[in-house]
PDB file of N, CA and C in Angstrom:
ATOM      1  N   MET A   1     117.364 114.689 138.435  1.00  0.00           N
ATOM      2  CA  MET A   1     116.872 113.783 137.415  1.00  0.00           C
ATOM      3  C   MET A   1     115.416 114.129 137.106  1.00  0.00           C
ATOM      4  N   SER A   2     115.082 114.271 135.842  1.00  0.00           N
ATOM      5  CA  SER A   2     113.712 114.627 135.465  1.00  0.00           C
ATOM      6  C   SER A   2     112.831 113.382 135.435  1.00  0.00           C
ATOM      7  N   PRO A   3     111.527 113.564 135.716  1.00  0.00           N
ATOM      8  CA  PRO A   3     110.623 112.414 135.701  1.00  0.00           C
ATOM      9  C   PRO A   3     110.480 111.852 134.286  1.00  0.00           C
ATOM     10  N   VAL A   4     110.217 110.568 134.197  1.00  0.00           N
ATOM     11  CA  VAL A   4     110.012 109.920 132.904  1.00  0.00           C
ATOM     12  C   VAL A   4     108.666 110.374 132.354  1.00  0.00           C
ATOM     13  N   LYS A   5     108.680 110.882 131.141  1.00  0.00           N
ATOM     14  CA  LYS A   5     107.441 111.332 130.509  1.00  0.00           C
ATOM     15  C   LYS A   5     106.800 110.180 129.750  1.00  0.00           C
ATOM     16  N   SER A   6     105.495 110.137 129.809  1.00  0.00           N
ATOM     17  CA  SER A   6     104.753 109.114 129.080  1.00  0.00           C
ATOM     18  C   SER A   6     104.938 109.323 127.575  1.00  0.00           C
ATOM     19  N   PRO A   7     105.003 108.224 126.824  1.00  0.00           N
ATOM     20  CA  PRO A   7     105.072 108.350 125.365  1.00  0.00           C
ATOM     21  C   PRO A   7     103.709 108.663 124.750  1.00  0.00           C
ATOM     22  N   LEU A   8     102.681 108.832 125.603  1.00  0.00           N
ATOM     23  CA  LEU A   8     101.314 109.036 125.123  1.00  0.00           C
ATOM     24  C   LEU A   8     100.740 110.339 125.640  1.00  0.00           C
ATOM     25  N   ILE A   9      99.897 110.954 124.820  1.00  0.00           N
ATOM     26  CA  ILE A   9      99.234 112.202 125.187  1.00  0.00           C
ATOM     27  C   ILE A   9      97.723 112.009 125.106  1.00  0.00           C
ATOM     28  N   LEU A  10      97.021 112.429 126.142  1.00  0.00           N
ATOM     29  CA  LEU A  10      95.557 112.487 126.130  1.00  0.00           C
ATOM     30  C   LEU A  10      95.187 113.914 125.765  1.00  0.00           C
ATOM     31  N   LEU A  11      94.555 114.098 124.608  1.00  0.00           N
ATOM     32  CA  LEU A  11      94.230 115.443 124.127  1.00  0.00           C
ATOM     33  C   LEU A  11      92.975 116.016 124.782  1.00  0.00           C
ATOM     34  N   HIS A  12      92.019 115.139 125.142  1.00  0.00           N
ATOM     35  CA  HIS A  12      90.766 115.584 125.741  1.00  0.00           C
ATOM     36  C   HIS A  12      90.254 114.465 126.642  1.00  0.00           C
ATOM     37  N   GLU A  13      89.660 114.807 127.744  1.00  0.00           N
ATOM     38  CA  GLU A  13      89.205 113.800 128.714  1.00  0.00           C
ATOM     39  C   GLU A  13      88.200 112.809 128.137  1.00  0.00           C
ATOM     40  N   ARG A  14      87.444 113.193 127.096  1.00  0.00           N
ATOM     41  CA  ARG A  14      86.464 112.283 126.482  1.00  0.00           C
ATOM     42  C   ARG A  14      87.083 111.368 125.420  1.00  0.00           C
ATOM     43  N   ASP A  15      88.340 111.607 125.046  1.00  0.00           N
ATOM     44  CA  ASP A  15      88.972 110.812 123.986  1.00  0.00           C
ATOM     45  C   ASP A  15      89.071 109.339 124.372  1.00  0.00           C
ATOM     46  N   ASN A  16      88.841 108.469 123.382  1.00  0.00           N
ATOM     47  CA  ASN A  16      89.023 107.038 123.615  1.00  0.00           C
ATOM     48  C   ASN A  16      90.298 106.523 122.950  1.00  0.00           C
ATOM     49  N   ILE A  17      91.110 107.451 122.489  1.00  0.00           N
ATOM     50  CA  ILE A  17      92.434 107.122 121.939  1.00  0.00           C
ATOM     51  C   ILE A  17      93.459 108.056 122.575  1.00  0.00           C
ATOM     52  N   LEU A  18      94.717 107.635 122.513  1.00  0.00           N
ATOM     53  CA  LEU A  18      95.838 108.440 122.988  1.00  0.00           C
ATOM     54  C   LEU A  18      96.779 108.651 121.812  1.00  0.00           C
ATOM     55  N   ILE A  19      97.460 109.778 121.771  1.00  0.00           N
ATOM     56  CA  ILE A  19      98.382 110.099 120.687  1.00  0.00           C
ATOM     57  C   ILE A  19      99.797 109.724 121.114  1.00  0.00           C
ATOM     58  N   VAL A  20     100.522 109.084 120.212  1.00  0.00           N
ATOM     59  CA  VAL A  20     101.899 108.663 120.473  1.00  0.00           C
ATOM     60  C   VAL A  20     102.823 109.862 120.265  1.00  0.00           C
ATOM     61  N   ARG A  21     103.584 110.241 121.301  1.00  0.00           N
ATOM     62  CA  ARG A  21     104.455 111.422 121.226  1.00  0.00           C
ATOM     63  C   ARG A  21     105.908 111.080 120.979  1.00  0.00           C
ATOM     64  N   ARG A  22     106.256 109.792 121.062  1.00  0.00           N
ATOM     65  CA  ARG A  22     107.576 109.309 120.658  1.00  0.00           C
ATOM     66  C   ARG A  22     107.416 107.871 120.222  1.00  0.00           C
ATOM     67  N   PHE A  23     108.305 107.402 119.394  1.00  0.00           N
ATOM     68  CA  PHE A  23     108.232 106.038 118.874  1.00  0.00           C
ATOM     69  C   PHE A  23     108.078 105.050 120.030  1.00  0.00           C
ATOM     70  N   ILE A  24     107.156 104.112 119.881  1.00  0.00           N
ATOM     71  CA  ILE A  24     106.970 103.034 120.845  1.00  0.00           C
ATOM     72  C   ILE A  24     107.375 101.736 120.156  1.00  0.00           C
ATOM     73  N   ALA A  25     108.302 101.013 120.762  1.00  0.00           N
ATOM     74  CA  ALA A  25     108.787  99.756 120.197  1.00  0.00           C
ATOM     75  C   ALA A  25     107.911  98.589 120.632  1.00  0.00           C
ATOM     76  N   GLU A  26     107.737  97.610 119.741  1.00  0.00           N
ATOM     77  CA  GLU A  26     107.029  96.389 120.104  1.00  0.00           C
ATOM     78  C   GLU A  26     107.697  95.787 121.340  1.00  0.00           C
ATOM     79  N   GLY A  27     106.900  95.395 122.310  1.00  0.00           N
ATOM     80  CA  GLY A  27     107.425  94.805 123.534  1.00  0.00           C
ATOM     81  C   GLY A  27     107.699  95.812 124.641  1.00  0.00           C
ATOM     82  N   GLU A  28     107.658  97.105 124.308  1.00  0.00           N
ATOM     83  CA  GLU A  28     107.879  98.139 125.322  1.00  0.00           C
ATOM     84  C   GLU A  28     106.707  98.169 126.299  1.00  0.00           C
ATOM     85  N   VAL A  29     106.987  98.366 127.569  1.00  0.00           N
ATOM     86  CA  VAL A  29     105.935  98.487 128.575  1.00  0.00           C
ATOM     87  C   VAL A  29     105.466  99.943 128.595  1.00  0.00           C
ATOM     88  N   ILE A  30     104.168 100.130 128.447  1.00  0.00           N
ATOM     89  CA  ILE A  30     103.557 101.461 128.464  1.00  0.00           C
ATOM     90  C   ILE A  30     102.473 101.469 129.531  1.00  0.00           C
ATOM     91  N   GLU A  31     102.061 102.651 129.918  1.00  0.00           N
ATOM     92  CA  GLU A  31     100.998 102.773 130.908  1.00  0.00           C
ATOM     93  C   GLU A  31      99.840 103.560 130.320  1.00  0.00           C
ATOM     94  N   ILE A  32      98.645 103.005 130.472  1.00  0.00           N
ATOM     95  CA  ILE A  32      97.429 103.678 130.019  1.00  0.00           C
ATOM     96  C   ILE A  32      96.476 103.749 131.205  1.00  0.00           C
ATOM     97  N   ASP A  33      96.177 104.958 131.628  1.00  0.00           N
ATOM     98  CA  ASP A  33      95.268 105.192 132.754  1.00  0.00           C
ATOM     99  C   ASP A  33      95.622 104.326 133.967  1.00  0.00           C
ATOM    100  N   GLY A  34      96.919 104.261 134.276  1.00  0.00           N
ATOM    101  CA  GLY A  34      97.389 103.543 135.451  1.00  0.00           C
ATOM    102  C   GLY A  34      97.596 102.055 135.274  1.00  0.00           C
ATOM    103  N   GLN A  35      97.307 101.540 134.086  1.00  0.00           N
ATOM    104  CA  GLN A  35      97.473 100.108 133.820  1.00  0.00           C
ATOM    105  C   GLN A  35      98.691  99.884 132.936  1.00  0.00           C
ATOM    106  N   SER A  36      99.609  99.014 133.359  1.00  0.00           N
ATOM    107  CA  SER A  36     100.797  98.684 132.563  1.00  0.00           C
ATOM    108  C   SER A  36     100.440  97.646 131.513  1.00  0.00           C
ATOM    109  N   LEU A  37     100.884  97.913 130.276  1.00  0.00           N
ATOM    110  CA  LEU A  37     100.631  97.016 129.146  1.00  0.00           C
ATOM    111  C   LEU A  37     101.916  96.860 128.353  1.00  0.00           C
ATOM    112  N   THR A  38     102.022  95.780 127.607  1.00  0.00           N
ATOM    113  CA  THR A  38     103.140  95.579 126.703  1.00  0.00           C
ATOM    114  C   THR A  38     102.667  95.891 125.289  1.00  0.00           C
ATOM    115  N   ALA A  39     103.378  96.779 124.603  1.00  0.00           N
ATOM    116  CA  ALA A  39     103.008  97.155 123.234  1.00  0.00           C
ATOM    117  C   ALA A  39     103.085  95.925 122.330  1.00  0.00           C
ATOM    118  N   THR A  40     102.014  95.656 121.608  1.00  0.00           N
ATOM    119  CA  THR A  40     101.953  94.482 120.738  1.00  0.00           C
ATOM    120  C   THR A  40     102.532  94.735 119.364  1.00  0.00           C
ATOM    121  N   SER A  41     102.832  96.006 119.061  1.00  0.00           N
ATOM    122  CA  SER A  41     103.462  96.369 117.791  1.00  0.00           C
ATOM    123  C   SER A  41     104.191  97.691 117.979  1.00  0.00           C
ATOM    124  N   SER A  42     105.100  97.988 117.074  1.00  0.00           N
ATOM    125  CA  SER A  42     105.768  99.290 117.075  1.00  0.00           C
ATOM    126  C   SER A  42     104.801 100.326 116.523  1.00  0.00           C
ATOM    127  N   VAL A  43     104.851 101.536 117.096  1.00  0.00           N
ATOM    128  CA  VAL A  43     103.922 102.589 116.677  1.00  0.00           C
ATOM    129  C   VAL A  43     104.697 103.892 116.531  1.00  0.00           C
ATOM    130  N   ASP A  44     104.512 104.558 115.394  1.00  0.00           N
ATOM    131  CA  ASP A  44     105.208 105.807 115.102  1.00  0.00           C
ATOM    132  C   ASP A  44     104.572 107.008 115.783  1.00  0.00           C
ATOM    133  N   VAL A  45     105.345 108.048 115.898  1.00  0.00           N
ATOM    134  CA  VAL A  45     104.903 109.329 116.455  1.00  0.00           C
ATOM    135  C   VAL A  45     103.680 109.829 115.683  1.00  0.00           C
ATOM    136  N   GLY A  46     102.704 110.354 116.413  1.00  0.00           N
ATOM    137  CA  GLY A  46     101.512 110.929 115.800  1.00  0.00           C
ATOM    138  C   GLY A  46     100.388 109.936 115.581  1.00  0.00           C
ATOM    139  N   HIS A  47     100.675 108.642 115.707  1.00  0.00           N
ATOM    140  CA  HIS A  47      99.632 107.643 115.547  1.00  0.00           C
ATOM    141  C   HIS A  47      98.836 107.529 116.842  1.00  0.00           C
ATOM    142  N   LYS A  48      97.846 106.644 116.865  1.00  0.00           N
ATOM    143  CA  LYS A  48      96.920 106.538 117.987  1.00  0.00           C
ATOM    144  C   LYS A  48      96.966 105.144 118.608  1.00  0.00           C
ATOM    145  N   LEU A  49      96.746 105.089 119.924  1.00  0.00           N
ATOM    146  CA  LEU A  49      96.549 103.827 120.637  1.00  0.00           C
ATOM    147  C   LEU A  49      95.189 103.880 121.316  1.00  0.00           C
ATOM    148  N   ALA A  50      94.552 102.725 121.426  1.00  0.00           N
ATOM    149  CA  ALA A  50      93.243 102.644 122.075  1.00  0.00           C
ATOM    150  C   ALA A  50      93.382 102.861 123.579  1.00  0.00           C
ATOM    151  N   ARG A  51      92.634 103.810 124.091  1.00  0.00           N
ATOM    152  CA  ARG A  51      92.620 104.085 125.532  1.00  0.00           C
ATOM    153  C   ARG A  51      91.730 103.088 126.265  1.00  0.00           C
ATOM    154  N   PHE A  52      90.798 102.504 125.549  1.00  0.00           N
ATOM    155  CA  PHE A  52      89.854 101.519 126.068  1.00  0.00           C
ATOM    156  C   PHE A  52      89.706 100.419 125.021  1.00  0.00           C
ATOM    157  N   VAL A  53      89.036  99.340 125.361  1.00  0.00           N
ATOM    158  CA  VAL A  53      88.635  98.350 124.363  1.00  0.00           C
ATOM    159  C   VAL A  53      87.612  99.041 123.461  1.00  0.00           C
ATOM    160  N   LEU A  54      87.804  98.951 122.153  1.00  0.00           N
ATOM    161  CA  LEU A  54      86.904  99.587 121.193  1.00  0.00           C
ATOM    162  C   LEU A  54      86.266  98.506 120.324  1.00  0.00           C
ATOM    163  N   LYS A  55      84.964  98.571 120.167  1.00  0.00           N
ATOM    164  CA  LYS A  55      84.216  97.575 119.399  1.00  0.00           C
ATOM    165  C   LYS A  55      83.905  98.094 117.999  1.00  0.00           C
ATOM    166  N   LYS A  56      83.812  97.158 117.053  1.00  0.00           N
ATOM    167  CA  LYS A  56      83.483  97.500 115.667  1.00  0.00           C
ATOM    168  C   LYS A  56      82.243  98.380 115.631  1.00  0.00           C
ATOM    169  N   GLY A  57      82.329  99.490 114.881  1.00  0.00           N
ATOM    170  CA  GLY A  57      81.223 100.426 114.743  1.00  0.00           C
ATOM    171  C   GLY A  57      81.281 101.583 115.722  1.00  0.00           C
ATOM    172  N   GLN A  58      82.064 101.459 116.773  1.00  0.00           N
ATOM    173  CA  GLN A  58      82.186 102.518 117.773  1.00  0.00           C
ATOM    174  C   GLN A  58      82.936 103.712 117.178  1.00  0.00           C
ATOM    175  N   LYS A  59      82.549 104.914 117.571  1.00  0.00           N
ATOM    176  CA  LYS A  59      83.207 106.138 117.109  1.00  0.00           C
ATOM    177  C   LYS A  59      84.583 106.287 117.763  1.00  0.00           C
ATOM    178  N   VAL A  60      85.539 106.788 116.988  1.00  0.00           N
ATOM    179  CA  VAL A  60      86.863 107.141 117.507  1.00  0.00           C
ATOM    180  C   VAL A  60      86.775 108.612 117.889  1.00  0.00           C
ATOM    181  N   ILE A  61      87.103 108.910 119.149  1.00  0.00           N
ATOM    182  CA  ILE A  61      86.986 110.273 119.665  1.00  0.00           C
ATOM    183  C   ILE A  61      88.375 110.857 119.883  1.00  0.00           C
ATOM    184  N   ARG A  62      88.633 111.999 119.235  1.00  0.00           N
ATOM    185  CA  ARG A  62      89.900 112.725 119.366  1.00  0.00           C
ATOM    186  C   ARG A  62      89.557 114.198 119.540  1.00  0.00           C
ATOM    187  N   PHE A  63      90.234 114.881 120.446  1.00  0.00           N
ATOM    188  CA  PHE A  63      89.906 116.264 120.799  1.00  0.00           C
ATOM    189  C   PHE A  63      88.449 116.372 121.248  1.00  0.00           C
ATOM    190  N   GLY A  64      87.875 115.287 121.795  1.00  0.00           N
ATOM    191  CA  GLY A  64      86.511 115.298 122.289  1.00  0.00           C
ATOM    192  C   GLY A  64      85.454 115.179 121.214  1.00  0.00           C
ATOM    193  N   ALA A  65      85.864 114.953 119.956  1.00  0.00           N
ATOM    194  CA  ALA A  65      84.915 114.879 118.847  1.00  0.00           C
ATOM    195  C   ALA A  65      85.176 113.625 118.012  1.00  0.00           C
ATOM    196  N   PRO A  66      84.133 113.078 117.377  1.00  0.00           N
ATOM    197  CA  PRO A  66      84.328 111.885 116.552  1.00  0.00           C
ATOM    198  C   PRO A  66      85.128 112.199 115.292  1.00  0.00           C
ATOM    199  N   ILE A  67      86.086 111.315 114.972  1.00  0.00           N
ATOM    200  CA  ILE A  67      86.889 111.485 113.752  1.00  0.00           C
ATOM    201  C   ILE A  67      86.736 110.299 112.811  1.00  0.00           C
ATOM    202  N   GLY A  68      86.090 109.239 113.273  1.00  0.00           N
ATOM    203  CA  GLY A  68      85.933 108.050 112.446  1.00  0.00           C
ATOM    204  C   GLY A  68      85.260 106.954 113.229  1.00  0.00           C
ATOM    205  N   SER A  69      85.256 105.754 112.639  1.00  0.00           N
ATOM    206  CA  SER A  69      84.625 104.591 113.262  1.00  0.00           C
ATOM    207  C   SER A  69      85.579 103.409 113.247  1.00  0.00           C
ATOM    208  N   ILE A  70      85.473 102.587 114.265  1.00  0.00           N
ATOM    209  CA  ILE A  70      86.282 101.379 114.358  1.00  0.00           C
ATOM    210  C   ILE A  70      85.725 100.349 113.375  1.00  0.00           C
ATOM    211  N   SER A  71      86.589  99.770 112.544  1.00  0.00           N
ATOM    212  CA  SER A  71      86.149  98.797 111.538  1.00  0.00           C
ATOM    213  C   SER A  71      86.407  97.353 111.969  1.00  0.00           C
ATOM    214  N   ALA A  72      87.140  97.159 113.055  1.00  0.00           N
ATOM    215  CA  ALA A  72      87.393  95.832 113.640  1.00  0.00           C
ATOM    216  C   ALA A  72      87.667  96.050 115.127  1.00  0.00           C
ATOM    217  N   ASP A  73      87.253  95.109 115.955  1.00  0.00           N
ATOM    218  CA  ASP A  73      87.477  95.257 117.393  1.00  0.00           C
ATOM    219  C   ASP A  73      88.945  95.564 117.692  1.00  0.00           C
ATOM    220  N   VAL A  74      89.169  96.434 118.692  1.00  0.00           N
ATOM    221  CA  VAL A  74      90.513  96.878 119.061  1.00  0.00           C
ATOM    222  C   VAL A  74      90.700  96.680 120.561  1.00  0.00           C
ATOM    223  N   ALA A  75      91.820  96.072 120.930  1.00  0.00           N
ATOM    224  CA  ALA A  75      92.127  95.839 122.343  1.00  0.00           C
ATOM    225  C   ALA A  75      92.702  97.100 122.979  1.00  0.00           C
ATOM    226  N   LEU A  76      92.612  97.178 124.278  1.00  0.00           N
ATOM    227  CA  LEU A  76      93.240  98.258 125.039  1.00  0.00           C
ATOM    228  C   LEU A  76      94.715  98.338 124.670  1.00  0.00           C
ATOM    229  N   GLY A  77      95.183  99.532 124.312  1.00  0.00           N
ATOM    230  CA  GLY A  77      96.586  99.748 123.980  1.00  0.00           C
ATOM    231  C   GLY A  77      96.976  99.382 122.565  1.00  0.00           C
ATOM    232  N   GLU A  78      96.038  98.886 121.771  1.00  0.00           N
ATOM    233  CA  GLU A  78      96.344  98.497 120.382  1.00  0.00           C
ATOM    234  C   GLU A  78      96.420  99.724 119.486  1.00  0.00           C
ATOM    235  N   HIS A  79      97.251  99.628 118.455  1.00  0.00           N
ATOM    236  CA  HIS A  79      97.412 100.674 117.449  1.00  0.00           C
ATOM    237  C   HIS A  79      96.081 100.886 116.722  1.00  0.00           C
ATOM    238  N   VAL A  80      95.642 102.121 116.633  1.00  0.00           N
ATOM    239  CA  VAL A  80      94.420 102.486 115.908  1.00  0.00           C
ATOM    240  C   VAL A  80      94.862 103.267 114.682  1.00  0.00           C
ATOM    241  N   HIS A  81      94.577 102.700 113.508  1.00  0.00           N
ATOM    242  CA  HIS A  81      94.994 103.339 112.248  1.00  0.00           C
ATOM    243  C   HIS A  81      94.108 102.794 111.126  1.00  0.00           C
ATOM    244  N   THR A  82      94.516 102.943 109.897  1.00  0.00           N
ATOM    245  CA  THR A  82      93.678 102.583 108.751  1.00  0.00           C
ATOM    246  C   THR A  82      93.317 101.098 108.687  1.00  0.00           C
ATOM    247  N   HIS A  83      94.057 100.240 109.369  1.00  0.00           N
ATOM    248  CA  HIS A  83      93.747  98.809 109.342  1.00  0.00           C
ATOM    249  C   HIS A  83      92.553  98.454 110.233  1.00  0.00           C
ATOM    250  N   ASN A  84      92.165  99.354 111.153  1.00  0.00           N
ATOM    251  CA  ASN A  84      91.038  99.047 112.041  1.00  0.00           C
ATOM    252  C   ASN A  84      90.151 100.266 112.308  1.00  0.00           C
ATOM    253  N   MET A  85      90.313 101.295 111.484  1.00  0.00           N
ATOM    254  CA  MET A  85      89.523 102.522 111.626  1.00  0.00           C
ATOM    255  C   MET A  85      89.234 103.086 110.243  1.00  0.00           C
ATOM    256  N   GLN A  86      88.078 103.686 110.100  1.00  0.00           N
ATOM    257  CA  GLN A  86      87.760 104.381 108.849  1.00  0.00           C
ATOM    258  C   GLN A  86      87.262 105.778 109.163  1.00  0.00           C
ATOM    259  N   SER A  87      87.561 106.698 108.282  1.00  0.00           N
ATOM    260  CA  SER A  87      87.095 108.066 108.444  1.00  0.00           C
ATOM    261  C   SER A  87      85.599 108.127 108.163  1.00  0.00           C
ATOM    262  N   ASP A  88      84.919 108.965 108.889  1.00  0.00           N
ATOM    263  CA  ASP A  88      83.512 109.218 108.602  1.00  0.00           C
ATOM    264  C   ASP A  88      83.352 110.417 107.662  1.00  0.00           C
ATOM    265  N   TYR A  89      84.471 111.011 107.257  1.00  0.00           N
ATOM    266  CA  TYR A  89      84.424 112.275 106.523  1.00  0.00           C
ATOM    267  C   TYR A  89      85.093 112.231 105.164  1.00  0.00           C
ATOM    268  N   ILE A  90      86.093 111.384 104.999  1.00  0.00           N
ATOM    269  CA  ILE A  90      86.782 111.263 103.717  1.00  0.00           C
ATOM    270  C   ILE A  90      86.814 109.801 103.318  1.00  0.00           C
ATOM    271  N   PRO A  91      86.944 109.498 102.030  1.00  0.00           N
ATOM    272  CA  PRO A  91      86.904 108.105 101.586  1.00  0.00           C
ATOM    273  C   PRO A  91      88.024 107.231 102.159  1.00  0.00           C
ATOM    274  N   SER A  92      89.173 107.822 102.463  1.00  0.00           N
ATOM    275  CA  SER A  92      90.300 107.015 102.921  1.00  0.00           C
ATOM    276  C   SER A  92      91.260 107.856 103.735  1.00  0.00           C
ATOM    277  N   HIS A  93      91.913 107.225 104.712  1.00  0.00           N
ATOM    278  CA  HIS A  93      92.991 107.888 105.438  1.00  0.00           C
ATOM    279  C   HIS A  93      94.313 107.705 104.708  1.00  0.00           C
ATOM    280  N   ASP A  94      94.344 106.859 103.718  1.00  0.00           N
ATOM    281  CA  ASP A  94      95.573 106.497 103.033  1.00  0.00           C
ATOM    282  C   ASP A  94      96.060 107.651 102.176  1.00  0.00           C
ATOM    283  N   ARG A  95      97.260 108.117 102.458  1.00  0.00           N
ATOM    284  CA  ARG A  95      97.819 109.230 101.686  1.00  0.00           C
ATOM    285  C   ARG A  95      98.031 108.856 100.229  1.00  0.00           C
ATOM    286  N   GLN A  96      98.109 107.572  99.950  1.00  0.00           N
ATOM    287  CA  GLN A  96      98.289 107.115  98.579  1.00  0.00           C
ATOM    288  C   GLN A  96      96.966 107.046  97.823  1.00  0.00           C
ATOM    289  N   ALA A  97      95.859 107.337  98.503  1.00  0.00           N
ATOM    290  CA  ALA A  97      94.540 107.226  97.890  1.00  0.00           C
ATOM    291  C   ALA A  97      94.350 108.198  96.733  1.00  0.00           C
ATOM    292  N   VAL A  98      95.004 109.332  96.770  1.00  0.00           N
ATOM    293  CA  VAL A  98      94.908 110.324  95.698  1.00  0.00           C
ATOM    294  C   VAL A  98      96.241 110.369  94.976  1.00  0.00           C
ATOM    295  N   LYS A  99      96.219 110.096  93.696  1.00  0.00           N
ATOM    296  CA  LYS A  99      97.457 110.133  92.912  1.00  0.00           C
ATOM    297  C   LYS A  99      97.786 111.587  92.604  1.00  0.00           C
ATOM    298  N   LEU A 100      99.056 111.890  92.554  1.00  0.00           N
ATOM    299  CA  LEU A 100      99.478 113.267  92.322  1.00  0.00           C
ATOM    300  C   LEU A 100      98.957 113.830  91.015  1.00  0.00           C
ATOM    301  N   ASP A 101      98.837 113.004  89.970  1.00  0.00           N
ATOM    302  CA  ASP A 101      98.344 113.520  88.691  1.00  0.00           C
ATOM    303  C   ASP A 101      96.852 113.816  88.722  1.00  0.00           C
ATOM    304  N   GLU A 102      96.140 113.386  89.779  1.00  0.00           N
ATOM    305  CA  GLU A 102      94.720 113.675  89.913  1.00  0.00           C
ATOM    306  C   GLU A 102      94.450 114.962  90.664  1.00  0.00           C
ATOM    307  N   VAL A 103      95.489 115.519  91.285  1.00  0.00           N
ATOM    308  CA  VAL A 103      95.354 116.734  92.063  1.00  0.00           C
ATOM    309  C   VAL A 103      95.500 117.934  91.132  1.00  0.00           C
ATOM    310  N   GLU A 104      94.539 118.860  91.241  1.00  0.00           N
ATOM    311  CA  GLU A 104      94.601 120.058  90.397  1.00  0.00           C
ATOM    312  C   GLU A 104      95.672 121.005  90.904  1.00  0.00           C
ATOM    313  N   HIS A 105      96.382 121.612  90.001  1.00  0.00           N
ATOM    314  CA  HIS A 105      97.408 122.585  90.354  1.00  0.00           C
ATOM    315  C   HIS A 105      97.077 123.911  89.681  1.00  0.00           C
ATOM    316  N   ASP A 106      97.389 125.010  90.357  1.00  0.00           N
ATOM    317  CA  ASP A 106      97.155 126.331  89.757  1.00  0.00           C
ATOM    318  C   ASP A 106      98.309 126.715  88.857  1.00  0.00           C
TER     319      ASP A 106
END
């Protein structure tokens, strides 16, 4: 029998978020740094969960580098996405932010 793999990946030791590697259902018990938590919402593959409590204005660290800022306080294990994070580099994380007719084509 193979060991149960965590649904979360730590990309870099300095990261304050974890990457979801398989769908996590609301109510599922997950483990973050040895602490068992119950997922407060469903989270899709590729999204992020808070590895620590994150305060408004704090940088989001992924691959050991800042990728954005927290826009509202985030609890340990909470989903980190456009509702509580903003990019420091682009106006929006929302894929709908740019309409297809606004994109130049060759």
